[in-house]
Amino acid sequence: MRALLIACFVAVLRLSASAATFCETVPANEYRLVGSTLCLPSVEVHGTTLYAWPPEEGTWIYTFDYDDNGNDAWSAQPTFSPGMGMFLKCPQTNLCCFEDPTNAPALPLNLPSPAYWLLSCQSNMVAFFEDIVGRAPSEGTRLYKLNPGGYPLFSGNPGPPDYSVYTYANHAWSPATPSAAVGEAVFIYNPAAFTFTPTLLNPRIAAGTFTFEVETVYGRAVKIEFSGELPPVSWQELSNFVGDGHAKTVTDPGLVNLGGERYYRVRSTSP
């Protein structure tokens, strides 16, 4: 009995020292897709299993079970690459926690295509596609969220009832813009190799100001320049910033007051 009390006390200390900042209750034997901020001590319950994706030869199944000395331990130490996910299954209802990351996100992700990728946000936040991948989706991108009680393994194209499917086409998501909960991983199908060409979107005049959006890539510097004629004698800077993967709004109040023409260009480089 004394040894059991000591073991439980050590486990509690280990969990509290992990600096977990978000927790959720995971029902017994229900699969979850979890991300790289998972706090491993919070799921170290006898019989817990983690599955890496994609299944490959070598170690891709990690179980927390008896070792040769009769103590609970991982069959091999689970490791997460930044932004990658795993399947989680606990044999009993358990509080699953996610650590507050200390490192800056490693973005954008390099996703060779076509392929299904199990991905997660590298920060503890409700995340959209851009937060996970570090850039806007390309035409035909699909995102898959595991439904409660769903079975995660699939062959071919996953779908209902196990997964909810979201498709990006004509600069919009259908049936809605998807998001991932804190610590949740999602499958993303990347239909084509990503090449980034800065593009000005949705130009308009609102409240007497010329406004447009520009797509960005996480960590890549963007400079907006303009000229009053073509070919330009010189380009003048309108705005500059470092991208975060989301579209950014740019305004030029001088255009409406000028009453003439302006031409714009976008330059994007590594910071």
C-alpha atoms as a PDB file:
ATOM      1  CA  MET A   1       0.000   0.000   0.000  1.00  0.00           C
ATOM      2  CA  ARG A   2       2.831   2.386   0.817  1.00  0.00           C
ATOM      3  CA  ALA A   3       4.444   1.806  -2.603  1.00  0.00           C
ATOM      4  CA  LEU A   4       1.120   2.464  -4.328  1.00  0.00           C
ATOM      5  CA  LEU A   5       0.646   5.777  -2.507  1.00  0.00           C
ATOM      6  CA  ILE A   6       4.154   6.911  -3.466  1.00  0.00           C
ATOM      7  CA  ALA A   7       3.580   5.986  -7.124  1.00  0.00           C
ATOM      8  CA  CYS A   8       0.340   7.993  -7.223  1.00  0.00           C
ATOM      9  CA  PHE A   9       2.008  10.981  -5.546  1.00  0.00           C
ATOM     10  CA  VAL A  10       4.813  11.003  -8.129  1.00  0.00           C
ATOM     11  CA  ALA A  11       2.268  10.816 -10.958  1.00  0.00           C
ATOM     12  CA  VAL A  12       0.380  13.817  -9.601  1.00  0.00           C
ATOM     13  CA  LEU A  13       3.585  15.826  -9.302  1.00  0.00           C
ATOM     14  CA  ARG A  14       4.563  14.937 -12.856  1.00  0.00           C
ATOM     15  CA  LEU A  15       1.216  16.058 -14.246  1.00  0.00           C
ATOM     16  CA  SER A  16       1.152  19.340 -12.343  1.00  0.00           C
ATOM     17  CA  ALA A  17       4.722  20.112 -13.443  1.00  0.00           C
ATOM     18  CA  SER A  18       3.802  19.732 -17.111  1.00  0.00           C
ATOM     19  CA  ALA A  19       2.305  23.257 -17.319  1.00  0.00           C
ATOM     20  CA  ALA A  20      -0.783  21.954 -19.107  1.00  0.00           C
ATOM     21  CA  THR A  21      -3.142  24.828 -19.837  1.00  0.00           C
ATOM     22  CA  PHE A  22      -6.152  23.148 -21.448  1.00  0.00           C
ATOM     23  CA  CYS A  23      -7.873  19.880 -20.581  1.00  0.00           C
ATOM     24  CA  GLU A  24     -10.884  17.958 -21.868  1.00  0.00           C
ATOM     25  CA  THR A  25     -12.619  14.781 -20.781  1.00  0.00           C
ATOM     26  CA  VAL A  26     -12.152  11.892 -23.219  1.00  0.00           C
ATOM     27  CA  PRO A  27     -14.766   9.102 -22.911  1.00  0.00           C
ATOM     28  CA  ALA A  28     -13.554   5.555 -22.395  1.00  0.00           C
ATOM     29  CA  ASN A  29     -12.528   3.725 -25.594  1.00  0.00           C
ATOM     30  CA  GLU A  30     -13.451   6.680 -27.824  1.00  0.00           C
ATOM     31  CA  TYR A  31     -10.876   7.726 -30.391  1.00  0.00           C
ATOM     32  CA  ARG A  32      -9.522  11.263 -30.475  1.00  0.00           C
ATOM     33  CA  LEU A  33      -7.225  12.916 -33.017  1.00  0.00           C
ATOM     34  CA  VAL A  34      -4.726  14.798 -30.862  1.00  0.00           C
ATOM     35  CA  GLY A  35      -1.980  17.245 -31.736  1.00  0.00           C
ATOM     36  CA  SER A  36       1.639  17.843 -30.881  1.00  0.00           C
ATOM     37  CA  THR A  37       0.875  19.890 -27.735  1.00  0.00           C
ATOM     38  CA  LEU A  38      -0.456  16.759 -26.003  1.00  0.00           C
ATOM     39  CA  CYS A  39       0.732  16.438 -22.391  1.00  0.00           C
ATOM     40  CA  LEU A  40       1.764  12.779 -22.286  1.00  0.00           C
ATOM     41  CA  PRO A  41       1.573  12.353 -18.474  1.00  0.00           C
ATOM     42  CA  SER A  42      -2.125  13.268 -18.594  1.00  0.00           C
ATOM     43  CA  VAL A  43      -2.921  10.162 -20.688  1.00  0.00           C
ATOM     44  CA  GLU A  44      -0.579   7.722 -18.970  1.00  0.00           C
ATOM     45  CA  VAL A  45      -3.358   5.353 -17.927  1.00  0.00           C
ATOM     46  CA  HIS A  46      -2.862   1.594 -18.114  1.00  0.00           C
ATOM     47  CA  GLY A  47      -3.946   0.461 -21.578  1.00  0.00           C
ATOM     48  CA  THR A  48      -3.782   3.860 -23.333  1.00  0.00           C
ATOM     49  CA  THR A  49      -2.768   3.628 -26.994  1.00  0.00           C
ATOM     50  CA  LEU A  50      -1.373   6.238 -29.388  1.00  0.00           C
ATOM     51  CA  TYR A  51      -1.252   5.575 -33.135  1.00  0.00           C
ATOM     52  CA  ALA A  52       1.048   7.530 -35.438  1.00  0.00           C
ATOM     53  CA  TRP A  53       0.012   8.445 -38.982  1.00  0.00           C
ATOM     54  CA  PRO A  54       0.666   7.211 -41.570  1.00  0.00           C
ATOM     55  CA  PRO A  55       1.056   3.572 -40.443  1.00  0.00           C
ATOM     56  CA  GLU A  56       4.529   2.470 -41.428  1.00  0.00           C
ATOM     57  CA  GLU A  57       6.974  -0.311 -40.761  1.00  0.00           C
ATOM     58  CA  GLY A  58       8.676   0.150 -37.410  1.00  0.00           C
ATOM     59  CA  THR A  59       7.166   1.894 -34.409  1.00  0.00           C
ATOM     60  CA  TRP A  60       3.799   3.516 -35.059  1.00  0.00           C
ATOM     61  CA  ILE A  61       1.738   2.053 -32.180  1.00  0.00           C
ATOM     62  CA  TYR A  62       2.614   3.210 -28.657  1.00  0.00           C
ATOM     63  CA  THR A  63       0.961   1.514 -25.667  1.00  0.00           C
ATOM     64  CA  PHE A  64       1.132   2.396 -21.978  1.00  0.00           C
ATOM     65  CA  ASP A  65       1.279  -1.053 -20.427  1.00  0.00           C
ATOM     66  CA  TYR A  66       3.298  -3.331 -18.161  1.00  0.00           C
ATOM     67  CA  ASP A  67       7.017  -3.493 -18.887  1.00  0.00           C
ATOM     68  CA  ASP A  68       9.360  -6.376 -18.073  1.00  0.00           C
ATOM     69  CA  ASN A  69       9.438  -5.285 -14.425  1.00  0.00           C
ATOM     70  CA  GLY A  70       5.666  -5.142 -14.073  1.00  0.00           C
ATOM     71  CA  ASN A  71       5.510  -1.334 -14.136  1.00  0.00           C
ATOM     72  CA  ASP A  72       3.410   0.765 -16.485  1.00  0.00           C
ATOM     73  CA  ALA A  73       5.539   2.382 -19.191  1.00  0.00           C
ATOM     74  CA  TRP A  74       5.332   3.307 -22.874  1.00  0.00           C
ATOM     75  CA  SER A  75       6.296   0.527 -25.275  1.00  0.00           C
ATOM     76  CA  ALA A  76       8.415   3.233 -26.957  1.00  0.00           C
ATOM     77  CA  GLN A  77       8.536   6.938 -26.217  1.00  0.00           C
ATOM     78  CA  PRO A  78       5.940   8.713 -28.413  1.00  0.00           C
ATOM     79  CA  THR A  79       7.373  11.635 -30.342  1.00  0.00           C
ATOM     80  CA  PHE A  80       5.488  14.369 -32.189  1.00  0.00           C
ATOM     81  CA  SER A  81       6.941  16.474 -34.961  1.00  0.00           C
ATOM     82  CA  PRO A  82       5.709  20.094 -34.758  1.00  0.00           C
ATOM     83  CA  GLY A  83       2.190  20.303 -36.136  1.00  0.00           C
ATOM     84  CA  MET A  84       1.696  16.557 -36.535  1.00  0.00           C
ATOM     85  CA  GLY A  85      -1.039  14.466 -34.899  1.00  0.00           C
ATOM     86  CA  MET A  86      -1.822  10.979 -33.587  1.00  0.00           C
ATOM     87  CA  PHE A  87      -4.855   8.829 -32.751  1.00  0.00           C
ATOM     88  CA  LEU A  88      -5.526   8.528 -29.009  1.00  0.00           C
ATOM     89  CA  LYS A  89      -7.606   5.843 -27.281  1.00  0.00           C
ATOM     90  CA  CYS A  90      -7.927   5.567 -23.487  1.00  0.00           C
ATOM     91  CA  PRO A  91      -9.482   2.485 -21.840  1.00  0.00           C
ATOM     92  CA  GLN A  92     -11.265   4.609 -19.226  1.00  0.00           C
ATOM     93  CA  THR A  93     -12.759   8.101 -19.113  1.00  0.00           C
ATOM     94  CA  ASN A  94      -9.783  10.379 -18.667  1.00  0.00           C
ATOM     95  CA  LEU A  95      -8.825  14.054 -18.510  1.00  0.00           C
ATOM     96  CA  CYS A  96      -6.614  14.731 -21.547  1.00  0.00           C
ATOM     97  CA  CYS A  97      -4.472  17.869 -21.302  1.00  0.00           C
ATOM     98  CA  PHE A  98      -2.446  19.985 -23.712  1.00  0.00           C
ATOM     99  CA  GLU A  99       0.662  21.957 -22.843  1.00  0.00           C
ATOM    100  CA  ASP A 100       1.162  25.630 -23.498  1.00  0.00           C
ATOM    101  CA  PRO A 101       3.964  25.644 -26.128  1.00  0.00           C
ATOM    102  CA  THR A 102       7.116  27.619 -25.439  1.00  0.00           C
ATOM    103  CA  ASN A 103       8.541  27.513 -28.974  1.00  0.00           C
ATOM    104  CA  ALA A 104       7.330  29.607 -31.903  1.00  0.00           C
ATOM    105  CA  PRO A 105       5.363  27.632 -34.540  1.00  0.00           C
ATOM    106  CA  ALA A 106       7.438  26.007 -37.295  1.00  0.00           C
ATOM    107  CA  LEU A 107       5.433  27.296 -40.265  1.00  0.00           C
ATOM    108  CA  PRO A 108       4.522  27.079 -43.056  1.00  0.00           C
ATOM    109  CA  LEU A 109       4.309  23.305 -43.250  1.00  0.00           C
ATOM    110  CA  ASN A 110       5.771  21.607 -46.310  1.00  0.00           C
ATOM    111  CA  LEU A 111       3.074  19.234 -47.584  1.00  0.00           C
ATOM    112  CA  PRO A 112       4.055  17.223 -50.656  1.00  0.00           C
ATOM    113  CA  SER A 113       0.948  16.187 -52.546  1.00  0.00           C
ATOM    114  CA  PRO A 114      -1.318  14.511 -53.126  1.00  0.00           C
ATOM    115  CA  ALA A 115      -1.588  12.968 -49.654  1.00  0.00           C
ATOM    116  CA  TYR A 116      -3.609  12.900 -46.443  1.00  0.00           C
ATOM    117  CA  TRP A 117      -1.830  14.632 -43.561  1.00  0.00           C
ATOM    118  CA  LEU A 118      -2.813  14.415 -39.892  1.00  0.00           C
ATOM    119  CA  LEU A 119      -2.057  17.920 -38.644  1.00  0.00           C
ATOM    120  CA  SER A 120      -2.636  20.156 -35.630  1.00  0.00           C
ATOM    121  CA  CYS A 121      -2.062  23.718 -34.548  1.00  0.00           C
ATOM    122  CA  GLN A 122       1.265  24.235 -32.768  1.00  0.00           C
ATOM    123  CA  SER A 123      -0.355  26.642 -30.294  1.00  0.00           C
ATOM    124  CA  ASN A 124      -3.159  26.037 -27.806  1.00  0.00           C
ATOM    125  CA  MET A 125      -5.922  27.880 -29.637  1.00  0.00           C
ATOM    126  CA  VAL A 126      -9.038  27.267 -31.694  1.00  0.00           C
ATOM    127  CA  ALA A 127      -7.377  27.003 -35.097  1.00  0.00           C
ATOM    128  CA  PHE A 128      -8.373  27.569 -38.708  1.00  0.00           C
ATOM    129  CA  PHE A 129      -6.602  26.040 -41.709  1.00  0.00           C
ATOM    130  CA  GLU A 130      -4.183  28.994 -41.948  1.00  0.00           C
ATOM    131  CA  ASP A 131      -3.227  28.625 -38.265  1.00  0.00           C
ATOM    132  CA  ILE A 132      -2.425  24.947 -38.792  1.00  0.00           C
ATOM    133  CA  VAL A 133      -0.624  25.060 -42.150  1.00  0.00           C
ATOM    134  CA  GLY A 134       0.693  28.648 -42.203  1.00  0.00           C
ATOM    135  CA  ARG A 135      -0.820  29.627 -45.553  1.00  0.00           C
ATOM    136  CA  ALA A 136      -4.176  29.819 -47.314  1.00  0.00           C
ATOM    137  CA  PRO A 137      -5.710  26.605 -48.728  1.00  0.00           C
ATOM    138  CA  SER A 138      -5.349  25.886 -52.424  1.00  0.00           C
ATOM    139  CA  GLU A 139      -8.227  25.029 -54.759  1.00  0.00           C
ATOM    140  CA  GLY A 140      -9.593  21.558 -54.008  1.00  0.00           C
ATOM    141  CA  THR A 141      -8.131  21.287 -50.497  1.00  0.00           C
ATOM    142  CA  ARG A 142     -10.197  19.108 -48.154  1.00  0.00           C
ATOM    143  CA  LEU A 143     -10.250  19.065 -44.351  1.00  0.00           C
ATOM    144  CA  TYR A 144     -11.638  16.142 -42.311  1.00  0.00           C
ATOM    145  CA  LYS A 145     -12.765  16.321 -38.657  1.00  0.00           C
ATOM    146  CA  LEU A 146     -13.308  13.090 -36.727  1.00  0.00           C
ATOM    147  CA  ASN A 147     -16.879  12.954 -35.386  1.00  0.00           C
ATOM    148  CA  PRO A 148     -17.582  11.853 -31.775  1.00  0.00           C
ATOM    149  CA  GLY A 149     -17.619   8.058 -31.715  1.00  0.00           C
ATOM    150  CA  GLY A 150     -16.069   7.880 -35.199  1.00  0.00           C
ATOM    151  CA  TYR A 151     -13.486   5.320 -36.262  1.00  0.00           C
ATOM    152  CA  PRO A 152     -10.314   7.096 -37.431  1.00  0.00           C
ATOM    153  CA  LEU A 153      -8.628   4.531 -39.690  1.00  0.00           C
ATOM    154  CA  PHE A 154      -9.692   4.571 -43.319  1.00  0.00           C
ATOM    155  CA  SER A 155      -8.735   3.400 -46.771  1.00  0.00           C
ATOM    156  CA  GLY A 156      -9.500   5.699 -49.658  1.00  0.00           C
ATOM    157  CA  ASN A 157     -11.436   8.908 -49.077  1.00  0.00           C
ATOM    158  CA  PRO A 158     -12.712   9.306 -45.454  1.00  0.00           C
ATOM    159  CA  GLY A 159     -16.226  10.605 -44.928  1.00  0.00           C
ATOM    160  CA  PRO A 160     -19.501  10.280 -42.958  1.00  0.00           C
ATOM    161  CA  PRO A 161     -20.406   8.958 -40.471  1.00  0.00           C
ATOM    162  CA  ASP A 162     -16.838   8.880 -39.135  1.00  0.00           C
ATOM    163  CA  TYR A 163     -15.669  12.219 -40.542  1.00  0.00           C
ATOM    164  CA  SER A 164     -17.155  15.611 -41.383  1.00  0.00           C
ATOM    165  CA  VAL A 165     -15.727  16.842 -44.691  1.00  0.00           C
ATOM    166  CA  TYR A 166     -15.011  20.452 -45.704  1.00  0.00           C
ATOM    167  CA  THR A 167     -13.935  21.438 -49.230  1.00  0.00           C
ATOM    168  CA  TYR A 168     -12.235  24.634 -50.405  1.00  0.00           C
ATOM    169  CA  ALA A 169     -13.285  25.891 -53.854  1.00  0.00           C
ATOM    170  CA  ASN A 170     -13.645  29.332 -55.452  1.00  0.00           C
ATOM    171  CA  HIS A 171     -11.977  31.003 -52.450  1.00  0.00           C
ATOM    172  CA  ALA A 172     -14.507  29.633 -49.946  1.00  0.00           C
ATOM    173  CA  TRP A 173     -15.075  26.626 -47.682  1.00  0.00           C
ATOM    174  CA  SER A 174     -18.154  24.422 -48.023  1.00  0.00           C
ATOM    175  CA  PRO A 175     -20.401  23.654 -46.172  1.00  0.00           C
ATOM    176  CA  ALA A 176     -18.776  26.059 -43.659  1.00  0.00           C
ATOM    177  CA  THR A 177     -15.383  27.327 -42.569  1.00  0.00           C
ATOM    178  CA  PRO A 178     -13.871  24.526 -40.440  1.00  0.00           C
ATOM    179  CA  SER A 179     -11.905  24.977 -37.241  1.00  0.00           C
ATOM    180  CA  ALA A 180     -10.072  22.648 -34.881  1.00  0.00           C
ATOM    181  CA  ALA A 181     -10.507  22.733 -31.109  1.00  0.00           C
ATOM    182  CA  VAL A 182      -7.552  23.242 -28.789  1.00  0.00           C
ATOM    183  CA  GLY A 183      -5.313  20.189 -29.123  1.00  0.00           C
ATOM    184  CA  GLU A 184      -7.409  18.645 -31.910  1.00  0.00           C
ATOM    185  CA  ALA A 185      -5.749  17.204 -35.000  1.00  0.00           C
ATOM    186  CA  VAL A 186      -7.495  17.051 -38.381  1.00  0.00           C
ATOM    187  CA  PHE A 187      -6.811  15.324 -41.663  1.00  0.00           C
ATOM    188  CA  ILE A 188      -5.946  17.619 -44.563  1.00  0.00           C
ATOM    189  CA  TYR A 189      -5.826  16.499 -48.175  1.00  0.00           C
ATOM    190  CA  ASN A 190      -3.473  18.664 -50.229  1.00  0.00           C
ATOM    191  CA  PRO A 191      -4.370  18.265 -53.925  1.00  0.00           C
ATOM    192  CA  ALA A 192      -1.354  20.003 -55.463  1.00  0.00           C
ATOM    193  CA  ALA A 193       2.153  21.125 -54.611  1.00  0.00           C
ATOM    194  CA  PHE A 194       2.027  24.571 -53.041  1.00  0.00           C
ATOM    195  CA  THR A 195       3.523  27.509 -54.863  1.00  0.00           C
ATOM    196  CA  PHE A 196       2.871  30.947 -53.435  1.00  0.00           C
ATOM    197  CA  THR A 197       2.112  33.843 -55.728  1.00  0.00           C
ATOM    198  CA  PRO A 198       1.012  36.964 -53.806  1.00  0.00           C
ATOM    199  CA  THR A 199      -2.433  37.963 -55.034  1.00  0.00           C
ATOM    200  CA  LEU A 200      -4.581  41.043 -54.421  1.00  0.00           C
ATOM    201  CA  LEU A 201      -8.174  40.051 -53.631  1.00  0.00           C
ATOM    202  CA  ASN A 202     -11.541  41.780 -53.339  1.00  0.00           C
ATOM    203  CA  PRO A 203     -10.612  45.361 -54.342  1.00  0.00           C
ATOM    204  CA  ARG A 204     -13.290  47.874 -53.324  1.00  0.00           C
ATOM    205  CA  ILE A 205     -13.951  51.422 -52.199  1.00  0.00           C
ATOM    206  CA  ALA A 206     -15.486  51.598 -48.729  1.00  0.00           C
ATOM    207  CA  ALA A 207     -16.126  54.762 -46.698  1.00  0.00           C
ATOM    208  CA  GLY A 208     -14.055  56.780 -49.177  1.00  0.00           C
ATOM    209  CA  THR A 209     -11.050  54.454 -48.892  1.00  0.00           C
ATOM    210  CA  PHE A 210      -9.649  51.978 -51.427  1.00  0.00           C
ATOM    211  CA  THR A 211      -9.334  48.582 -49.730  1.00  0.00           C
ATOM    212  CA  PHE A 212      -8.172  45.110 -50.758  1.00  0.00           C
ATOM    213  CA  GLU A 213      -6.834  41.875 -49.240  1.00  0.00           C
ATOM    214  CA  VAL A 214      -3.563  40.101 -49.848  1.00  0.00           C
ATOM    215  CA  GLU A 215      -2.863  36.444 -49.050  1.00  0.00           C
ATOM    216  CA  THR A 216       0.158  35.799 -46.812  1.00  0.00           C
ATOM    217  CA  VAL A 217       2.422  32.961 -45.730  1.00  0.00           C
ATOM    218  CA  TYR A 218       3.494  32.592 -42.101  1.00  0.00           C
ATOM    219  CA  GLY A 219       6.822  34.306 -41.459  1.00  0.00           C
ATOM    220  CA  ARG A 220       7.190  35.698 -44.982  1.00  0.00           C
ATOM    221  CA  ALA A 221       7.593  39.461 -45.351  1.00  0.00           C
ATOM    222  CA  VAL A 222       5.114  41.290 -47.587  1.00  0.00           C
ATOM    223  CA  LYS A 223       5.583  44.735 -49.134  1.00  0.00           C
ATOM    224  CA  ILE A 224       2.808  46.600 -50.970  1.00  0.00           C
ATOM    225  CA  GLU A 225       3.973  49.264 -53.444  1.00  0.00           C
ATOM    226  CA  PHE A 226       2.171  51.624 -55.821  1.00  0.00           C
ATOM    227  CA  SER A 227       2.817  53.865 -58.789  1.00  0.00           C
ATOM    228  CA  GLY A 228       0.691  56.465 -60.562  1.00  0.00           C
ATOM    229  CA  GLU A 229       1.735  55.328 -64.039  1.00  0.00           C
ATOM    230  CA  LEU A 230       2.886  52.391 -66.139  1.00  0.00           C
ATOM    231  CA  PRO A 231       5.619  51.749 -66.807  1.00  0.00           C
ATOM    232  CA  PRO A 232       6.487  53.164 -63.374  1.00  0.00           C
ATOM    233  CA  VAL A 233       9.156  55.781 -62.950  1.00  0.00           C
ATOM    234  CA  SER A 234       9.469  54.470 -59.395  1.00  0.00           C
ATOM    235  CA  TRP A 235       7.493  52.366 -56.924  1.00  0.00           C
ATOM    236  CA  GLN A 236       6.443  53.893 -53.594  1.00  0.00           C
ATOM    237  CA  GLU A 237       5.824  51.820 -50.486  1.00  0.00           C
ATOM    238  CA  LEU A 238       2.259  51.684 -49.165  1.00  0.00           C
ATOM    239  CA  SER A 239       2.539  49.011 -46.476  1.00  0.00           C
ATOM    240  CA  ASN A 240       4.806  46.251 -45.201  1.00  0.00           C
ATOM    241  CA  PHE A 241       4.290  43.476 -42.664  1.00  0.00           C
ATOM    242  CA  VAL A 242       5.178  39.855 -41.880  1.00  0.00           C
ATOM    243  CA  GLY A 243       2.515  37.320 -42.849  1.00  0.00           C
ATOM    244  CA  ASP A 244       0.758  34.894 -40.495  1.00  0.00           C
ATOM    245  CA  GLY A 245      -0.932  32.722 -43.143  1.00  0.00           C
ATOM    246  CA  HIS A 246      -4.188  34.711 -43.116  1.00  0.00           C
ATOM    247  CA  ALA A 247      -5.349  37.259 -45.694  1.00  0.00           C
ATOM    248  CA  LYS A 248      -4.534  40.806 -44.585  1.00  0.00           C
ATOM    249  CA  THR A 249      -6.536  43.948 -45.320  1.00  0.00           C
ATOM    250  CA  VAL A 250      -4.660  46.857 -46.919  1.00  0.00           C
ATOM    251  CA  THR A 251      -6.077  50.347 -47.363  1.00  0.00           C
ATOM    252  CA  ASP A 252      -4.976  53.281 -49.511  1.00  0.00           C
ATOM    253  CA  PRO A 253      -6.874  56.440 -48.519  1.00  0.00           C
ATOM    254  CA  GLY A 254      -4.796  58.487 -50.941  1.00  0.00           C
ATOM    255  CA  LEU A 255      -6.251  56.907 -54.076  1.00  0.00           C
ATOM    256  CA  VAL A 256      -9.796  58.303 -53.753  1.00  0.00           C
ATOM    257  CA  ASN A 257      -8.558  61.788 -52.920  1.00  0.00           C
ATOM    258  CA  LEU A 258      -6.090  61.698 -55.784  1.00  0.00           C
ATOM    259  CA  GLY A 259      -8.799  61.297 -58.399  1.00  0.00           C
ATOM    260  CA  GLY A 260      -6.440  59.539 -60.816  1.00  0.00           C
ATOM    261  CA  GLU A 261      -5.076  56.052 -61.305  1.00  0.00           C
ATOM    262  CA  ARG A 262      -2.765  53.904 -59.223  1.00  0.00           C
ATOM    263  CA  TYR A 263      -1.099  50.594 -59.962  1.00  0.00           C
ATOM    264  CA  TYR A 264      -0.083  48.157 -57.242  1.00  0.00           C
ATOM    265  CA  ARG A 265       2.361  45.334 -56.863  1.00  0.00           C
ATOM    266  CA  VAL A 266       3.049  42.873 -54.030  1.00  0.00           C
ATOM    267  CA  ARG A 267       6.523  41.688 -53.122  1.00  0.00           C
ATOM    268  CA  SER A 268       6.980  38.770 -50.761  1.00  0.00           C
ATOM    269  CA  THR A 269      10.279  37.545 -49.323  1.00  0.00           C
ATOM    270  CA  SER A 270      11.559  35.686 -46.295  1.00  0.00           C
ATOM    271  CA  PRO A 271      11.952  38.018 -43.303  1.00  0.00           C
END
